[in-house]
C-alpha atoms as a PDB file:
ATOM      1  CA  MET A   1     173.191 -28.270  64.174  1.00  0.00           C
ATOM      2  CA  VAL A   2     176.782 -27.853  65.993  1.00  0.00           C
ATOM      3  CA  ARG A   3     178.941 -30.736  67.127  1.00  0.00           C
ATOM      4  CA  LEU A   4     181.851 -31.304  69.432  1.00  0.00           C
ATOM      5  CA  ARG A   5     184.135 -33.800  67.205  1.00  0.00           C
ATOM      6  CA  LEU A   6     187.867 -34.452  66.749  1.00  0.00           C
ATOM      7  CA  THR A   7     189.924 -32.971  63.699  1.00  0.00           C
ATOM      8  CA  ARG A   8     193.087 -35.131  62.990  1.00  0.00           C
ATOM      9  CA  MET A   9     196.664 -32.964  62.792  1.00  0.00           C
ATOM     10  CA  GLY A  10     200.009 -34.344  62.669  1.00  0.00           C
ATOM     11  CA  ARG A  11     202.017 -36.733  60.968  1.00  0.00           C
ATOM     12  CA  THR A  12     201.776 -40.472  59.228  1.00  0.00           C
ATOM     13  CA  HIS A  13     201.484 -42.790  62.322  1.00  0.00           C
ATOM     14  CA  SER A  14     202.064 -40.074  64.658  1.00  0.00           C
ATOM     15  CA  PRO A  15     198.594 -38.516  65.044  1.00  0.00           C
ATOM     16  CA  TYR A  16     197.288 -35.985  67.475  1.00  0.00           C
ATOM     17  CA  TYR A  17     194.006 -34.504  67.700  1.00  0.00           C
ATOM     18  CA  ARG A  18     192.135 -31.009  68.085  1.00  0.00           C
ATOM     19  CA  ILE A  19     188.983 -31.333  69.833  1.00  0.00           C
ATOM     20  CA  CYS A  20     186.563 -28.696  67.744  1.00  0.00           C
ATOM     21  CA  ALA A  21     183.003 -27.198  67.648  1.00  0.00           C
ATOM     22  CA  MET A  22     181.897 -27.839  63.980  1.00  0.00           C
ATOM     23  CA  ASP A  23     178.784 -28.183  62.051  1.00  0.00           C
ATOM     24  CA  SER A  24     177.353 -31.454  61.339  1.00  0.00           C
ATOM     25  CA  ARG A  25     177.422 -31.242  57.796  1.00  0.00           C
ATOM     26  CA  SER A  26     181.177 -30.351  57.275  1.00  0.00           C
ATOM     27  CA  ALA A  27     184.148 -32.471  56.786  1.00  0.00           C
ATOM     28  CA  ARG A  28     186.429 -34.172  59.285  1.00  0.00           C
ATOM     29  CA  ASP A  29     189.181 -31.654  59.184  1.00  0.00           C
ATOM     30  CA  SER A  30     187.159 -28.965  57.245  1.00  0.00           C
ATOM     31  CA  ARG A  31     186.960 -25.307  59.219  1.00  0.00           C
ATOM     32  CA  ALA A  32     186.095 -25.551  62.795  1.00  0.00           C
ATOM     33  CA  ILE A  33     183.761 -22.851  64.549  1.00  0.00           C
ATOM     34  CA  GLU A  34     185.830 -22.932  67.556  1.00  0.00           C
ATOM     35  CA  TYR A  35     189.181 -25.084  68.808  1.00  0.00           C
ATOM     36  CA  LEU A  36     188.566 -26.249  72.657  1.00  0.00           C
ATOM     37  CA  GLY A  37     191.620 -28.766  72.943  1.00  0.00           C
ATOM     38  CA  GLN A  38     193.996 -31.218  72.067  1.00  0.00           C
ATOM     39  CA  TYR A  39     193.802 -34.904  72.668  1.00  0.00           C
ATOM     40  CA  ASP A  40     197.293 -36.718  71.978  1.00  0.00           C
ATOM     41  CA  PRO A  41     197.018 -40.171  72.265  1.00  0.00           C
ATOM     42  CA  CYS A  42     200.384 -41.271  71.413  1.00  0.00           C
ATOM     43  CA  ASN A  43     201.929 -39.151  74.261  1.00  0.00           C
ATOM     44  CA  LYS A  44     202.896 -41.630  77.089  1.00  0.00           C
ATOM     45  CA  ASP A  45     202.202 -39.308  80.135  1.00  0.00           C
ATOM     46  CA  GLU A  46     198.287 -39.564  80.753  1.00  0.00           C
ATOM     47  CA  GLU A  47     197.722 -36.308  81.861  1.00  0.00           C
ATOM     48  CA  LYS A  48     199.328 -34.696  79.098  1.00  0.00           C
ATOM     49  CA  GLN A  49     197.597 -36.380  76.549  1.00  0.00           C
ATOM     50  CA  ILE A  50     193.799 -34.249  77.054  1.00  0.00           C
ATOM     51  CA  ASN A  51     194.480 -30.700  77.384  1.00  0.00           C
ATOM     52  CA  VAL A  52     190.552 -29.147  77.115  1.00  0.00           C
ATOM     53  CA  ASN A  53     189.670 -25.711  77.391  1.00  0.00           C
ATOM     54  CA  VAL A  54     186.534 -26.696  80.137  1.00  0.00           C
ATOM     55  CA  GLU A  55     184.872 -23.520  80.569  1.00  0.00           C
ATOM     56  CA  ARG A  56     184.210 -23.545  76.832  1.00  0.00           C
ATOM     57  CA  ALA A  57     183.335 -27.504  76.010  1.00  0.00           C
ATOM     58  CA  GLN A  58     180.890 -27.101  78.829  1.00  0.00           C
ATOM     59  CA  TYR A  59     179.279 -23.671  77.189  1.00  0.00           C
ATOM     60  CA  TRP A  60     179.162 -25.211  73.628  1.00  0.00           C
ATOM     61  CA  ILE A  61     177.237 -28.440  75.489  1.00  0.00           C
ATOM     62  CA  SER A  62     174.918 -26.082  77.387  1.00  0.00           C
ATOM     63  CA  VAL A  63     173.846 -24.542  73.964  1.00  0.00           C
ATOM     64  CA  GLY A  64     173.154 -28.271  72.647  1.00  0.00           C
ATOM     65  CA  ALA A  65     176.034 -28.947  70.834  1.00  0.00           C
ATOM     66  CA  GLN A  66     176.309 -32.814  70.607  1.00  0.00           C
ATOM     67  CA  PRO A  67     179.921 -34.448  71.407  1.00  0.00           C
ATOM     68  CA  SER A  68     180.623 -37.645  69.839  1.00  0.00           C
ATOM     69  CA  GLU A  69     181.419 -40.566  71.424  1.00  0.00           C
ATOM     70  CA  THR A  70     184.971 -40.552  71.817  1.00  0.00           C
ATOM     71  CA  VAL A  71     184.556 -36.680  72.635  1.00  0.00           C
ATOM     72  CA  ALA A  72     182.293 -37.349  75.190  1.00  0.00           C
ATOM     73  CA  SER A  73     184.758 -40.076  76.861  1.00  0.00           C
ATOM     74  CA  ILE A  74     187.576 -37.719  76.616  1.00  0.00           C
ATOM     75  CA  LEU A  75     185.727 -34.722  78.257  1.00  0.00           C
ATOM     76  CA  LYS A  76     184.973 -37.246  80.848  1.00  0.00           C
ATOM     77  CA  LYS A  77     188.054 -37.547  81.671  1.00  0.00           C
ATOM     78  CA  ALA A  78     188.718 -34.209  81.542  1.00  0.00           C
ATOM     79  CA  GLY A  79     185.957 -33.711  83.990  1.00  0.00           C
ATOM     80  CA  VAL A  80     183.408 -32.411  82.177  1.00  0.00           C
ATOM     81  CA  ASP A  81     179.444 -33.527  82.039  1.00  0.00           C
ATOM     82  CA  PRO A  82     179.047 -34.562  78.182  1.00  0.00           C
ATOM     83  CA  THR A  83     174.954 -34.275  78.910  1.00  0.00           C
ATOM     84  CA  PRO A  84     174.034 -31.837  75.945  1.00  0.00           C
ATOM     85  CA  GLY A  85     171.430 -29.489  76.969  1.00  0.00           C
ATOM     86  CA  LYS A  86     172.969 -28.571  80.526  1.00  0.00           C
ATOM     87  CA  LYS A  87     173.100 -25.641  81.640  1.00  0.00           C
ATOM     88  CA  ALA A  88     176.620 -24.820  83.598  1.00  0.00           C
END
């Protein structure tokens, strides 16, 4: 089963995250199937915090990938409907 979730990157006390499609059984920072964007919570400018490839995110959701709670809220902010199984 494929899940859309975050992988942690960056330095100590200065994290940023990559949004990626991964096998649900894999570890948090292991190899991803595809990287879909970035989320930088430390960036002061809210418009630059989220960078998502909307087209690919919609594709993965349409084929049944389950977004985590955090990724679902990030995708809502980016304008993507995070309901799995809906055709784009």
